[in-house]
Amino acid sequence: MSDDSGDKAELLQAQLIELQTQVAFQEETISELNEALGLQQLDIAALKRQWEVMRDRYRELQAQLPDSQDDADEPPPPHY
């Protein structure tokens, strides 16, 4: 009977080690994902700033166009 309890103890110890290993890998993965997410947030912020600059430039250029250019969105006359 003592052999049976020794086997159970070894099995429990092996399971505990397996669980600890899995937790360690999960913690490492979470840390890597957190870092990647942080870098993506920085990229998104940079892209947002670039978009805002380009939008502002587009509006400035659009404001400089003569009024006749406003008709450019209209379809061409039927004889085209």
Protein backbone atom coordinates (compact mmCIF):
# COMPACT_ATOMS: atom_id res chain seq x y z
CA MET A 1 0.00 0.00 0.00
CA SER A 2 2.87 2.37 0.61
CA ASP A 3 4.02 1.72 -2.97
CA ASP A 4 0.60 2.86 -4.19
CA SER A 5 0.78 6.12 -2.22
CA GLY A 6 4.32 6.69 -3.54
CA ASP A 7 3.08 6.31 -7.12
CA LYS A 8 0.26 8.77 -6.46
CA ALA A 9 2.71 11.27 -4.98
CA GLU A 10 5.00 10.96 -8.01
CA LEU A 11 2.02 11.35 -10.36
CA LEU A 12 0.84 14.45 -8.50
CA GLN A 13 4.35 15.89 -8.53
CA ALA A 14 4.64 15.26 -12.31
CA GLN A 15 1.26 16.91 -12.87
CA LEU A 16 2.29 19.87 -10.73
CA ILE A 17 5.51 20.30 -12.70
CA GLU A 18 3.56 20.11 -15.98
CA LEU A 19 1.13 22.77 -14.78
CA GLN A 20 3.96 25.03 -13.61
CA THR A 21 5.64 24.64 -17.00
CA GLN A 22 2.43 25.54 -18.80
CA VAL A 23 1.91 28.60 -16.62
CA ALA A 24 5.48 29.74 -17.29
CA PHE A 25 4.98 29.44 -21.06
CA GLN A 26 1.65 31.26 -20.83
CA GLU A 27 3.19 34.09 -18.83
CA GLU A 28 5.95 34.43 -21.44
CA THR A 29 3.39 34.43 -24.26
CA ILE A 30 1.26 37.05 -22.51
CA SER A 31 4.32 39.22 -22.03
CA GLU A 32 5.25 38.92 -25.72
CA LEU A 33 1.69 39.70 -26.79
CA ASN A 34 1.59 42.71 -24.48
CA GLU A 35 4.79 44.04 -26.01
CA ALA A 36 3.47 43.49 -29.54
CA LEU A 37 0.22 45.25 -28.65
CA GLY A 38 2.15 48.21 -27.27
CA LEU A 39 4.15 48.50 -30.49
CA GLN A 40 0.98 48.29 -32.56
CA GLN A 41 -0.56 51.09 -30.52
CA LEU A 42 2.49 53.25 -31.26
CA ASP A 43 2.18 52.43 -34.97
CA ILE A 44 -1.52 53.28 -34.95
CA ALA A 45 -0.85 56.60 -33.24
CA ALA A 46 1.85 57.47 -35.80
CA LEU A 47 -0.42 56.53 -38.70
CA LYS A 48 -3.21 58.61 -37.21
CA ARG A 49 -0.93 61.65 -36.99
CA GLN A 50 0.19 61.13 -40.61
CA TRP A 51 -3.42 60.83 -41.75
CA GLU A 52 -4.35 64.05 -39.96
CA VAL A 53 -1.45 65.91 -41.60
CA MET A 54 -2.41 64.60 -45.05
CA ARG A 55 -6.08 65.45 -44.45
CA ASP A 56 -5.12 69.00 -43.47
CA ARG A 57 -2.88 69.36 -46.52
CA TYR A 58 -5.65 68.07 -48.76
CA ARG A 59 -8.08 70.61 -47.32
CA GLU A 60 -5.55 73.40 -47.80
CA LEU A 61 -4.98 72.41 -51.43
CA GLN A 62 -8.69 72.06 -52.02
CA ALA A 63 -9.25 75.56 -50.65
CA GLN A 64 -6.64 76.95 -53.07
CA LEU A 65 -8.36 75.54 -56.15
CA PRO A 66 -10.45 77.94 -58.23
CA ASP A 67 -14.21 77.62 -57.84
CA SER A 68 -14.52 76.12 -61.32
CA GLN A 69 -12.77 73.02 -60.02
CA ASP A 70 -15.72 72.37 -57.71
CA ASP A 71 -17.64 71.24 -60.80
CA ALA A 72 -15.14 68.41 -61.35
CA ASP A 73 -17.35 66.06 -59.36
CA GLU A 74 -20.21 66.51 -61.80
CA PRO A 75 -20.57 63.96 -64.61
CA PRO A 76 -19.39 65.05 -68.06
CA PRO A 77 -21.96 66.37 -70.51
CA PRO A 78 -23.73 63.73 -72.63
CA HIS A 79 -21.71 64.50 -75.79
CA TYR A 80 -18.54 63.02 -74.18
